[in-house]
């Protein structure tokens, strides 16, 4: 498995690949420090799954990163999905009306979904 990891004081971001998907795991605070790390690791990838179960805090910059990646992926014929977003992420998505912009899948179904054999899930 090819894993690339980068850290800032309050966040760790890991990238690995699962089939056609780039999987980005964010641990800690998804804020202004996380945005350039995510952009660096994702680049122009079209199919991105964000593992967000270890996110302890997310602000408008973190949400903006997710929405921006979704717009770019869709424009290129791709998709961004969220795997098991933590409570702070779910709350911000709900408060901003952004929850409907992302397919969400529970962690125990992630492999099946990424392999194309499982159903999408939602909030």
N, C-alpha and C. Protein backbone atom coordinates (compact mmCIF):
# COMPACT_ATOMS: atom_id res chain seq x y z
N UNK A 1 0.85 -1.17 0.00
CA UNK A 1 0.00 0.00 0.00
C UNK A 1 0.89 1.23 0.00
N UNK A 2 0.57 2.18 -0.84
CA UNK A 2 1.32 3.42 -0.92
C UNK A 2 0.60 4.45 -0.07
N UNK A 3 1.26 4.88 1.02
CA UNK A 3 0.65 5.83 1.94
C UNK A 3 1.54 7.06 2.01
N UNK A 4 0.92 8.21 1.92
CA UNK A 4 1.63 9.47 2.11
C UNK A 4 0.98 10.16 3.28
N UNK A 5 1.81 10.62 4.21
CA UNK A 5 1.29 11.26 5.41
C UNK A 5 1.94 12.62 5.55
N UNK A 6 1.16 13.59 5.97
CA UNK A 6 1.69 14.90 6.26
C UNK A 6 0.99 15.42 7.52
N UNK A 7 1.70 16.18 8.30
CA UNK A 7 1.18 16.63 9.58
C UNK A 7 1.34 18.14 9.75
N UNK A 8 0.47 18.71 10.54
CA UNK A 8 0.58 20.07 11.06
C UNK A 8 0.36 19.92 12.56
N UNK A 9 0.54 20.97 13.34
CA UNK A 9 0.43 20.80 14.79
C UNK A 9 -0.89 20.18 15.28
N UNK A 10 -2.00 20.48 14.63
CA UNK A 10 -3.28 20.00 15.13
C UNK A 10 -3.98 19.00 14.21
N UNK A 11 -3.30 18.56 13.14
CA UNK A 11 -3.96 17.66 12.19
C UNK A 11 -2.95 16.74 11.52
N UNK A 12 -3.41 15.53 11.24
CA UNK A 12 -2.64 14.59 10.42
C UNK A 12 -3.52 14.20 9.24
N UNK A 13 -2.92 14.17 8.07
CA UNK A 13 -3.65 13.80 6.86
C UNK A 13 -2.87 12.69 6.18
N UNK A 14 -3.54 11.58 5.90
CA UNK A 14 -2.93 10.42 5.26
C UNK A 14 -3.63 10.18 3.93
N UNK A 15 -2.89 9.73 2.95
CA UNK A 15 -3.49 9.39 1.65
C UNK A 15 -3.06 7.99 1.27
N UNK A 16 -4.02 7.20 0.79
CA UNK A 16 -3.71 5.91 0.20
C UNK A 16 -4.72 5.64 -0.90
N UNK A 17 -4.50 4.61 -1.66
CA UNK A 17 -5.37 4.30 -2.78
C UNK A 17 -6.06 2.98 -2.57
N UNK A 18 -7.31 2.94 -3.01
CA UNK A 18 -8.11 1.72 -2.95
C UNK A 18 -8.82 1.62 -4.30
N UNK A 19 -8.27 0.82 -5.19
CA UNK A 19 -8.80 0.76 -6.55
C UNK A 19 -8.67 2.12 -7.21
N UNK A 20 -9.76 2.62 -7.77
CA UNK A 20 -9.76 3.92 -8.45
C UNK A 20 -9.87 5.09 -7.47
N UNK A 21 -10.07 4.80 -6.21
CA UNK A 21 -10.33 5.84 -5.21
C UNK A 21 -9.05 6.29 -4.52
N UNK A 22 -8.94 7.59 -4.33
CA UNK A 22 -7.95 8.16 -3.42
C UNK A 22 -8.66 8.30 -2.08
N UNK A 23 -8.11 7.69 -1.06
CA UNK A 23 -8.70 7.76 0.28
C UNK A 23 -7.85 8.70 1.12
N UNK A 24 -8.50 9.70 1.70
CA UNK A 24 -7.82 10.69 2.53
C UNK A 24 -8.37 10.57 3.94
N UNK A 25 -7.48 10.23 4.88
CA UNK A 25 -7.88 10.13 6.28
C UNK A 25 -7.41 11.39 7.01
N UNK A 26 -8.36 12.06 7.64
CA UNK A 26 -8.06 13.28 8.39
C UNK A 26 -8.24 12.97 9.87
N UNK A 27 -7.22 13.28 10.66
CA UNK A 27 -7.27 13.07 12.12
C UNK A 27 -6.97 14.39 12.81
N UNK A 28 -7.84 14.80 13.72
CA UNK A 28 -7.64 16.05 14.44
C UNK A 28 -8.53 17.15 13.91
N UNK A 29 -7.98 18.35 13.83
CA UNK A 29 -8.76 19.54 13.47
C UNK A 29 -8.73 19.79 11.97
N UNK A 30 -9.90 19.83 11.37
CA UNK A 30 -10.02 20.08 9.93
C UNK A 30 -10.34 21.56 9.75
N UNK A 31 -9.26 22.34 9.67
CA UNK A 31 -9.40 23.79 9.61
C UNK A 31 -8.42 24.36 8.61
N UNK A 32 -8.02 25.61 8.80
CA UNK A 32 -7.13 26.28 7.86
C UNK A 32 -5.79 25.57 7.72
N UNK A 33 -5.33 24.86 8.75
CA UNK A 33 -4.08 24.11 8.64
C UNK A 33 -4.25 22.86 7.79
N UNK A 34 -5.42 22.27 7.80
CA UNK A 34 -5.66 21.03 7.05
C UNK A 34 -5.82 21.28 5.55
N UNK A 35 -6.37 22.42 5.18
CA UNK A 35 -6.69 22.69 3.77
C UNK A 35 -5.50 22.53 2.83
N UNK A 36 -4.36 23.16 3.08
CA UNK A 36 -3.25 22.99 2.13
C UNK A 36 -2.69 21.57 2.13
N UNK A 37 -2.77 20.89 3.25
CA UNK A 37 -2.29 19.51 3.31
C UNK A 37 -3.16 18.61 2.43
N UNK A 38 -4.47 18.79 2.55
CA UNK A 38 -5.41 18.00 1.74
C UNK A 38 -5.22 18.30 0.27
N UNK A 39 -5.15 19.57 -0.08
CA UNK A 39 -4.97 19.95 -1.48
C UNK A 39 -3.68 19.36 -2.05
N UNK A 40 -2.61 19.38 -1.27
CA UNK A 40 -1.33 18.83 -1.71
C UNK A 40 -1.44 17.32 -1.97
N UNK A 41 -2.12 16.62 -1.09
CA UNK A 41 -2.21 15.16 -1.20
C UNK A 41 -3.19 14.71 -2.28
N UNK A 42 -4.24 15.48 -2.51
CA UNK A 42 -5.29 15.07 -3.44
C UNK A 42 -4.97 15.48 -4.87
N UNK A 43 -4.45 16.67 -5.07
CA UNK A 43 -4.13 17.12 -6.42
C UNK A 43 -5.37 17.13 -7.29
N UNK A 44 -5.28 16.52 -8.46
CA UNK A 44 -6.40 16.51 -9.41
C UNK A 44 -7.19 15.22 -9.41
N UNK A 45 -7.10 14.44 -8.35
CA UNK A 45 -7.82 13.16 -8.31
C UNK A 45 -9.32 13.38 -8.44
N UNK A 46 -9.99 12.44 -9.13
CA UNK A 46 -11.43 12.58 -9.40
C UNK A 46 -12.31 11.81 -8.44
N UNK A 47 -11.85 10.69 -7.93
CA UNK A 47 -12.64 9.86 -7.03
C UNK A 47 -11.96 9.87 -5.67
N UNK A 48 -12.59 10.57 -4.71
CA UNK A 48 -11.96 10.79 -3.42
C UNK A 48 -12.93 10.37 -2.32
N UNK A 49 -12.42 9.58 -1.39
CA UNK A 49 -13.18 9.21 -0.20
C UNK A 49 -12.47 9.79 1.01
N UNK A 50 -13.17 10.61 1.77
CA UNK A 50 -12.60 11.20 2.98
C UNK A 50 -13.02 10.38 4.18
N UNK A 51 -12.05 9.83 4.90
CA UNK A 51 -12.31 9.15 6.17
C UNK A 51 -12.25 10.22 7.25
N UNK A 52 -13.38 10.48 7.88
CA UNK A 52 -13.47 11.62 8.80
C UNK A 52 -13.90 11.22 10.21
N UNK A 53 -13.76 9.95 10.57
CA UNK A 53 -14.19 9.52 11.89
C UNK A 53 -13.30 10.02 13.02
N UNK A 54 -12.08 10.47 12.71
CA UNK A 54 -11.16 10.95 13.74
C UNK A 54 -11.04 12.48 13.75
N UNK A 55 -11.96 13.17 13.08
CA UNK A 55 -11.96 14.63 13.08
C UNK A 55 -12.58 15.11 14.40
N UNK A 56 -11.84 15.95 15.12
CA UNK A 56 -12.31 16.46 16.42
C UNK A 56 -12.92 17.85 16.32
N UNK A 57 -12.63 18.55 15.23
CA UNK A 57 -13.12 19.91 15.03
C UNK A 57 -13.12 20.19 13.53
N UNK A 58 -14.13 20.91 13.06
CA UNK A 58 -14.16 21.34 11.66
C UNK A 58 -14.77 22.73 11.63
N UNK A 59 -14.19 23.60 10.79
CA UNK A 59 -14.73 24.95 10.65
C UNK A 59 -15.10 25.21 9.19
N UNK A 60 -15.41 26.45 8.88
CA UNK A 60 -15.83 26.81 7.52
C UNK A 60 -14.74 26.49 6.49
N UNK A 61 -13.49 26.62 6.86
CA UNK A 61 -12.40 26.31 5.92
C UNK A 61 -12.38 24.81 5.61
N UNK A 62 -12.58 23.98 6.62
CA UNK A 62 -12.65 22.53 6.40
C UNK A 62 -13.83 22.17 5.52
N UNK A 63 -14.98 22.76 5.79
CA UNK A 63 -16.16 22.51 4.96
C UNK A 63 -15.92 23.00 3.54
N UNK A 64 -15.32 24.17 3.42
CA UNK A 64 -15.02 24.71 2.10
C UNK A 64 -14.11 23.79 1.29
N UNK A 65 -13.17 23.16 1.97
CA UNK A 65 -12.28 22.20 1.30
C UNK A 65 -13.07 21.03 0.75
N UNK A 66 -13.98 20.49 1.54
CA UNK A 66 -14.80 19.36 1.07
C UNK A 66 -15.68 19.78 -0.11
N UNK A 67 -16.34 20.92 0.01
CA UNK A 67 -17.23 21.38 -1.07
C UNK A 67 -16.46 21.68 -2.34
N UNK A 68 -15.29 22.29 -2.20
CA UNK A 68 -14.46 22.59 -3.36
C UNK A 68 -14.00 21.32 -4.06
N UNK A 69 -13.58 20.34 -3.28
CA UNK A 69 -13.15 19.05 -3.86
C UNK A 69 -14.32 18.38 -4.56
N UNK A 70 -15.52 18.48 -3.99
CA UNK A 70 -16.69 17.87 -4.62
C UNK A 70 -17.00 18.55 -5.95
N UNK A 71 -16.95 19.87 -5.99
CA UNK A 71 -17.22 20.59 -7.25
C UNK A 71 -16.21 20.20 -8.32
N UNK A 72 -14.93 20.17 -7.95
CA UNK A 72 -13.89 19.82 -8.93
C UNK A 72 -14.03 18.37 -9.40
N UNK A 73 -14.32 17.48 -8.48
CA UNK A 73 -14.46 16.07 -8.85
C UNK A 73 -15.64 15.90 -9.81
N UNK A 74 -16.77 16.50 -9.48
CA UNK A 74 -17.95 16.36 -10.35
C UNK A 74 -17.71 16.97 -11.73
N UNK A 75 -17.03 18.10 -11.78
CA UNK A 75 -16.73 18.74 -13.06
C UNK A 75 -15.86 17.84 -13.94
N UNK A 76 -15.07 16.98 -13.31
CA UNK A 76 -14.18 16.07 -14.04
C UNK A 76 -14.79 14.67 -14.18
N UNK A 77 -16.09 14.52 -13.85
CA UNK A 77 -16.75 13.23 -13.96
C UNK A 77 -16.49 12.32 -12.79
N UNK A 78 -16.08 12.87 -11.66
CA UNK A 78 -15.76 12.06 -10.48
C UNK A 78 -16.75 12.27 -9.35
N UNK A 79 -16.31 11.94 -8.13
CA UNK A 79 -17.19 11.98 -6.97
C UNK A 79 -16.35 12.07 -5.71
N UNK A 80 -16.87 12.76 -4.71
CA UNK A 80 -16.30 12.77 -3.37
C UNK A 80 -17.34 12.14 -2.46
N UNK A 81 -16.89 11.22 -1.62
CA UNK A 81 -17.78 10.64 -0.63
C UNK A 81 -17.13 10.74 0.74
N UNK A 82 -17.96 10.68 1.77
CA UNK A 82 -17.49 10.77 3.15
C UNK A 82 -17.69 9.43 3.84
N UNK A 83 -16.65 8.94 4.49
CA UNK A 83 -16.73 7.69 5.23
C UNK A 83 -16.79 8.02 6.72
N UNK A 84 -17.88 7.63 7.34
CA UNK A 84 -18.07 7.73 8.79
C UNK A 84 -17.66 9.10 9.36
N UNK A 85 -18.27 10.19 8.90
CA UNK A 85 -17.89 11.48 9.45
C UNK A 85 -18.20 11.57 10.95
N UNK A 86 -17.26 12.14 11.69
CA UNK A 86 -17.43 12.31 13.13
C UNK A 86 -18.53 13.34 13.41
N UNK A 87 -18.97 13.38 14.65
CA UNK A 87 -20.07 14.27 15.05
C UNK A 87 -19.83 15.73 14.67
N UNK A 88 -18.63 16.30 14.87
CA UNK A 88 -18.45 17.70 14.47
C UNK A 88 -18.68 17.94 12.97
N UNK A 89 -18.28 16.98 12.16
CA UNK A 89 -18.46 17.10 10.71
C UNK A 89 -19.94 16.99 10.36
N UNK A 90 -20.60 15.99 10.91
CA UNK A 90 -22.04 15.81 10.65
C UNK A 90 -22.83 17.05 11.07
N UNK A 91 -22.47 17.61 12.21
CA UNK A 91 -23.18 18.77 12.72
C UNK A 91 -23.01 19.97 11.79
N UNK A 92 -21.79 20.24 11.34
CA UNK A 92 -21.56 21.37 10.45
C UNK A 92 -22.25 21.17 9.11
N UNK A 93 -22.22 19.95 8.59
CA UNK A 93 -22.92 19.67 7.33
C UNK A 93 -24.41 19.93 7.48
N UNK A 94 -24.97 19.51 8.60
CA UNK A 94 -26.40 19.71 8.85
C UNK A 94 -26.73 21.19 9.02
N UNK A 95 -25.92 21.91 9.85
CA UNK A 95 -26.18 23.32 10.12
C UNK A 95 -26.11 24.19 8.86
N UNK A 96 -25.24 23.81 7.94
CA UNK A 96 -25.04 24.62 6.73
C UNK A 96 -25.89 24.14 5.56
N UNK A 97 -26.63 23.06 5.74
CA UNK A 97 -27.43 22.53 4.64
C UNK A 97 -26.60 21.83 3.58
N UNK A 98 -25.39 21.43 3.94
CA UNK A 98 -24.48 20.82 2.97
C UNK A 98 -24.50 19.29 2.98
N UNK A 99 -25.26 18.69 3.88
CA UNK A 99 -25.25 17.24 4.02
C UNK A 99 -25.64 16.54 2.72
N UNK A 100 -26.56 17.10 1.97
CA UNK A 100 -27.02 16.46 0.74
C UNK A 100 -26.02 16.51 -0.40
N UNK A 101 -24.92 17.19 -0.23
CA UNK A 101 -23.92 17.30 -1.30
C UNK A 101 -22.98 16.09 -1.37
N UNK A 102 -23.03 15.23 -0.35
CA UNK A 102 -22.06 14.14 -0.27
C UNK A 102 -22.73 12.80 0.01
N UNK A 103 -22.36 11.77 -0.74
CA UNK A 103 -22.73 10.43 -0.32
C UNK A 103 -21.95 10.11 0.96
N UNK A 104 -22.63 9.50 1.92
CA UNK A 104 -22.01 9.14 3.19
C UNK A 104 -22.16 7.65 3.37
N UNK A 105 -21.09 7.01 3.81
CA UNK A 105 -21.13 5.56 4.00
C UNK A 105 -20.54 5.23 5.37
N UNK A 106 -21.16 4.29 6.10
CA UNK A 106 -20.58 3.88 7.37
C UNK A 106 -19.27 3.11 7.15
N UNK A 107 -18.40 3.16 8.12
CA UNK A 107 -17.08 2.53 8.00
C UNK A 107 -17.18 1.05 7.66
N UNK A 108 -18.14 0.35 8.23
CA UNK A 108 -18.22 -1.09 7.99
C UNK A 108 -18.70 -1.44 6.58
N UNK A 109 -19.17 -0.46 5.80
CA UNK A 109 -19.60 -0.69 4.43
C UNK A 109 -18.64 -0.06 3.41
N UNK A 110 -17.60 0.61 3.89
CA UNK A 110 -16.73 1.38 3.01
C UNK A 110 -16.06 0.53 1.94
N UNK A 111 -15.55 -0.62 2.30
CA UNK A 111 -14.87 -1.46 1.31
C UNK A 111 -15.84 -1.88 0.21
N UNK A 112 -17.03 -2.31 0.59
CA UNK A 112 -18.02 -2.73 -0.41
C UNK A 112 -18.40 -1.57 -1.32
N UNK A 113 -18.56 -0.39 -0.75
CA UNK A 113 -18.95 0.77 -1.56
C UNK A 113 -17.82 1.16 -2.51
N UNK A 114 -16.60 1.20 -2.00
CA UNK A 114 -15.47 1.57 -2.86
C UNK A 114 -15.24 0.56 -3.96
N UNK A 115 -15.59 -0.68 -3.71
CA UNK A 115 -15.44 -1.72 -4.75
C UNK A 115 -16.66 -1.77 -5.68
N UNK A 116 -17.67 -0.94 -5.36
CA UNK A 116 -18.85 -0.89 -6.24
C UNK A 116 -19.88 -1.96 -5.97
N UNK A 117 -19.81 -2.61 -4.80
CA UNK A 117 -20.76 -3.69 -4.52
C UNK A 117 -21.74 -3.36 -3.42
N UNK A 118 -21.67 -2.16 -2.85
CA UNK A 118 -22.56 -1.82 -1.74
C UNK A 118 -23.38 -0.60 -2.04
N UNK A 119 -24.48 -0.41 -1.31
CA UNK A 119 -25.33 0.76 -1.53
C UNK A 119 -24.73 2.00 -0.89
N UNK A 120 -25.05 3.15 -1.48
CA UNK A 120 -24.69 4.42 -0.84
C UNK A 120 -25.58 4.61 0.36
N UNK A 121 -25.10 5.35 1.31
CA UNK A 121 -25.86 5.63 2.52
C UNK A 121 -25.98 7.13 2.67
N UNK A 122 -26.77 7.57 3.58
CA UNK A 122 -26.91 9.01 3.83
C UNK A 122 -27.15 9.29 5.28
N UNK A 123 -27.30 10.57 5.61
CA UNK A 123 -27.57 10.96 6.99
C UNK A 123 -28.96 10.55 7.36
